[in-house]
Every structure is written in structure tokens, then in C-alpha cells.
Protein backbone atom coordinates (compact mmCIF):
# COMPACT_ATOMS: atom_id res chain seq x y z
CA MET A 1 -21.94 -28.83 -34.86
CA LEU A 2 -23.97 -26.11 -32.80
CA THR A 3 -23.78 -28.22 -30.08
CA THR A 4 -19.81 -28.32 -30.25
CA LEU A 5 -19.54 -24.73 -30.84
CA LYS A 6 -22.31 -23.77 -27.81
CA PRO A 7 -19.87 -24.90 -25.39
CA LEU A 8 -16.57 -23.31 -26.21
CA LEU A 9 -18.58 -19.97 -27.09
CA CYS A 10 -20.02 -20.21 -23.72
CA GLY A 11 -15.93 -20.79 -22.84
CA ALA A 12 -14.94 -17.97 -24.71
CA LEU A 13 -17.95 -15.50 -23.22
CA LEU A 14 -16.31 -16.60 -19.12
CA ILE A 15 -12.59 -15.74 -20.24
CA TYR A 16 -13.94 -12.36 -21.97
CA ALA A 17 -16.06 -11.45 -18.98
CA GLY A 18 -13.53 -12.58 -16.18
CA GLY A 19 -10.68 -10.21 -18.11
CA ALA A 20 -13.42 -7.60 -18.19
CA ALA A 21 -13.46 -7.53 -14.26
CA ALA A 22 -10.12 -8.10 -14.08
CA ASP A 23 -9.35 -4.86 -15.94
CA SER A 24 -11.74 -2.85 -13.65
CA LEU A 25 -10.60 -4.35 -9.84
CA PHE A 26 -9.41 -2.07 -7.33
CA MET A 27 -5.46 -1.79 -7.57
CA LEU A 28 -2.21 -0.92 -6.23
CA GLN A 29 0.79 -1.41 -7.68
CA SER A 30 4.43 -0.17 -8.23
CA PRO A 31 7.03 0.41 -11.04
CA ALA A 32 10.00 -0.35 -8.43
CA PHE A 33 8.70 -4.22 -7.55
CA ALA A 34 6.74 -6.80 -8.09
CA ASP A 35 3.77 -7.44 -5.77
CA ASN A 36 5.77 -10.20 -3.13
CA GLY A 37 8.66 -8.97 -4.92
CA MET A 38 12.42 -7.79 -3.20
CA MET A 39 12.51 -4.29 -2.70
CA ASP A 40 15.86 -2.49 -3.51
CA LYS A 41 17.85 -1.57 -0.80
CA LYS A 42 17.79 2.37 -1.24
CA PHE A 43 13.99 2.09 0.23
CA ALA A 44 15.49 0.68 3.27
CA GLY A 45 15.62 2.70 6.14
CA ASN A 46 18.69 5.09 7.40
CA ALA A 47 18.03 5.88 10.64
CA LYS A 48 21.95 6.76 12.24
CA ASP A 49 20.53 5.61 15.76
CA ASN A 50 19.43 2.15 14.18
CA PRO A 51 22.50 0.07 12.59
CA ASN A 52 20.12 -2.37 11.08
CA CYS A 53 18.88 0.79 9.09
CA THR A 54 21.17 0.53 6.36
CA GLY A 55 19.44 1.70 2.99
CA GLU A 56 18.69 5.99 2.12
CA ASN A 57 15.11 5.85 3.01
CA ASN A 58 14.08 6.62 -0.43
CA SER A 59 9.90 5.94 -0.53
CA PRO A 60 9.31 3.61 -3.68
CA PRO A 61 6.66 4.93 -6.28
CA LEU A 62 3.47 3.91 -6.59
CA VAL A 63 -0.09 3.55 -8.75
CA TRP A 64 -3.57 3.23 -8.25
CA SER A 65 -6.43 2.32 -10.43
CA ASN A 66 -10.06 1.77 -10.57
CA LEU A 67 -11.27 3.51 -7.54
CA PRO A 68 -15.02 2.95 -6.48
CA GLN A 69 -16.99 5.95 -7.85
CA GLU A 70 -18.31 7.04 -3.85
CA THR A 71 -14.42 7.54 -2.96
CA LYS A 72 -14.54 10.77 -1.35
CA SER A 73 -10.49 10.36 0.09
CA LEU A 74 -7.97 6.96 0.62
CA ALA A 75 -5.40 6.33 3.07
CA LEU A 76 -2.48 4.19 2.70
CA ILE A 77 -0.87 2.06 5.37
CA VAL A 78 2.42 0.09 5.37
CA HIS A 79 2.88 -2.45 7.82
CA ASP A 80 5.51 -4.86 8.31
CA PRO A 81 3.90 -7.81 10.59
CA GLU A 82 7.10 -10.02 11.00
CA GLY A 83 8.57 -6.58 13.23
CA ALA A 84 9.46 -6.33 16.26
CA LYS A 85 9.96 -10.22 16.57
CA GLY A 86 5.91 -10.28 15.34
CA LEU A 87 4.68 -7.19 17.15
CA GLY A 88 4.93 -5.46 14.14
CA VAL A 89 5.82 -2.28 12.25
CA THR A 90 4.08 0.28 10.99
CA HIS A 91 6.03 2.26 8.40
CA LEU A 92 3.78 4.88 6.70
CA VAL A 93 0.31 5.97 8.18
CA ALA A 94 -1.05 8.39 5.56
CA TYR A 95 -4.70 9.57 4.88
CA ASN A 96 -6.69 12.66 3.45
CA ILE A 97 -5.50 11.60 0.03
CA PRO A 98 -7.96 13.05 -2.54
CA ALA A 99 -9.89 10.85 -5.10
CA SER A 100 -8.26 12.57 -7.85
CA ALA A 101 -4.71 11.21 -6.89
CA THR A 102 -3.44 8.26 -8.95
CA GLY A 103 -0.60 7.34 -7.04
CA PHE A 104 2.71 8.69 -5.65
CA THR A 105 5.78 9.47 -7.28
CA ALA A 106 9.21 8.41 -5.76
CA ASP A 107 9.95 9.87 -2.45
CA ALA A 108 7.03 11.75 -2.53
CA LEU A 109 5.96 9.27 0.45
CA ARG A 110 9.34 9.91 2.26
CA ASP A 111 8.85 14.21 1.65
CA GLY A 112 5.17 14.52 2.68
CA LYS A 113 3.83 14.93 -0.66
CA GLY A 114 0.15 14.90 -1.12
CA PHE A 115 -1.19 13.05 2.08
CA THR A 116 -1.74 14.12 5.77
CA GLY A 117 0.75 12.12 7.89
CA GLY A 118 -0.37 9.57 11.16
CA LYS A 119 2.26 8.52 13.22
CA ASN A 120 4.09 5.23 12.35
CA THR A 121 5.93 3.02 14.98
CA PRO A 122 8.93 5.21 14.55
CA GLY A 123 6.98 8.02 15.84
CA ASN A 124 7.52 10.15 13.02
CA ASP A 125 4.76 11.01 9.83
CA ARG A 126 6.22 10.01 7.04
CA TRP A 127 7.60 6.76 5.00
CA HIS A 128 10.39 5.04 7.31
CA GLY A 129 11.63 2.25 5.08
CA PRO A 130 12.92 -0.83 6.34
CA CYS A 131 15.34 -1.91 8.88
CA PRO A 132 15.02 -5.65 9.53
CA PRO A 133 17.47 -7.34 11.91
CA PRO A 134 20.22 -9.64 9.76
CA GLY A 135 19.49 -13.34 10.11
CA SER A 136 15.73 -12.59 10.51
CA GLY A 137 15.02 -12.88 6.57
CA ALA A 138 12.81 -11.12 4.08
CA HIS A 139 9.95 -9.56 6.22
CA HIS A 140 6.76 -8.62 4.27
CA TYR A 141 6.58 -4.97 3.68
CA THR A 142 2.28 -4.64 3.11
CA PHE A 143 0.93 -1.70 1.03
CA THR A 144 -2.34 -1.21 2.08
CA LEU A 145 -5.22 1.54 -0.15
CA ILE A 146 -8.34 1.97 1.35
CA ALA A 147 -11.14 4.13 -0.50
CA THR A 148 -13.04 5.81 1.73
CA SER A 149 -16.41 8.02 2.16
CA LEU A 150 -14.94 10.28 4.15
CA ALA A 151 -14.20 13.87 3.17
CA PRO A 152 -9.92 14.18 3.08
CA ASP A 153 -10.47 16.28 6.85
CA LEU A 154 -8.98 14.08 9.15
CA PRO A 155 -6.43 15.69 11.83
CA ALA A 156 -2.82 14.89 11.23
CA GLY A 157 -0.51 13.26 13.66
CA LEU A 158 -3.41 9.86 13.98
CA THR A 159 -2.07 6.46 14.97
CA ARG A 160 -2.75 3.02 12.48
CA GLU A 161 -5.41 2.10 15.40
CA GLN A 162 -6.82 6.10 15.95
CA LEU A 163 -7.51 6.06 11.97
CA PHE A 164 -8.71 2.60 11.68
CA ASP A 165 -11.39 3.48 14.41
CA LYS A 166 -12.16 6.47 12.63
CA LEU A 167 -12.51 4.73 8.81
CA LYS A 168 -14.93 2.49 10.14
CA GLY A 169 -17.77 2.12 8.56
CA LYS A 170 -16.40 4.21 6.10
CA THR A 171 -13.97 2.03 3.93
CA LEU A 172 -15.39 1.60 0.19
CA ALA A 173 -12.37 -1.02 -0.46
CA ALA A 174 -9.49 -1.90 -0.20
CA ALA A 175 -6.33 -3.07 -2.72
CA GLY A 176 -2.76 -4.50 -1.80
CA LEU A 177 0.76 -4.78 -2.91
CA ILE A 178 3.59 -6.47 -0.98
CA GLY A 179 7.12 -5.75 -0.92
CA ARG A 180 9.32 -7.83 1.01
CA PHE A 181 13.00 -6.87 2.34
CA GLY A 182 15.64 -8.52 4.14
CA GLN A 183 19.32 -8.66 5.32
């Protein structure tokens, strides 16, 4: 009987250990949409000079958990790899996010609260919601949260590429979330 219980006990321990490990993963989530789920139109951009920007430019709430212990600051990039006909569009470059933060409330990214703004593709320092052209399908807006060992004192206005240069050798982990949007 012991020989039949041994595999069951080992399997149960592996399942328990796997669940415990999943609980400690660095995670990024949004209460507004599931990972790889569709984002509401209210999160789309509303730039008056772009007819593809048909939303309200609200920014979604985000929450994260289980930062690496050595984290001193965080950075958040939102990038659409299908944007600009495959060249990509960066919708947000945010950094100097304190390690004590656990998320952003709705519209905090739009309003510039809780981070230093870098320069996104449209040229501003805050959330610029999705503006995909009609007929281009649902684009994938990749939210990447990066835990860093850097003190939160980087200068404002860094582009995505400039931020990545500053983060080389200073990143501890990253967590991702994808929101989709199309017209």
C-alpha cells in the first residue's frame, strides 16, 4: 500500500509546490481587462488630429505583486508592435516608479501621477491610448513592468531606447500584460 501512496503523495507535493511558486511570481494585472483580452474603447486615444483616435484616452488601472526584494524602482513601457504598419508605436514610457507602489489607479498614467514621464512615439510624456487604423485588426498593447536596482532619479524625457540603455545591467525582473484593441 505504501508503494501506491508514494506516487500520489509526491504528485500532491509537486502540485502544492507549483502553486506556491506561482503565488510568488512577479505579476502585472489589470482589473479592466484580462491578459490578452480586449480593452474598452474608453482606453483608446482621443487626439483631435488623428481620426483613428476614437476613445476617451482613459488609462487602465494596473496592479502588481511579488517584486524582487532588491527592487529600488520600476519602469513601465506600453508598446504596440503592430503599430506604424509593423514598425511599432510606444504609447507610454514611465519610470522612477517607487518600489513601494503596488499599482496605478484608473487614469493615473494619463494624468502623469506616480512616475516620471519619458517620451512616447507621439512625443508626449503620458499615456497615449491606442489609435489603430480601421481594418488593421486588433493590435497587441504590451504592458511591460520592469523591476530595477536603480534609485528613482532618472531624468525626465527619456525615449524607450534611452531608458533601455540606462537599465542595462540594472534590471531584476519583468512582468507583462497584453491588452488588445482594434476598430
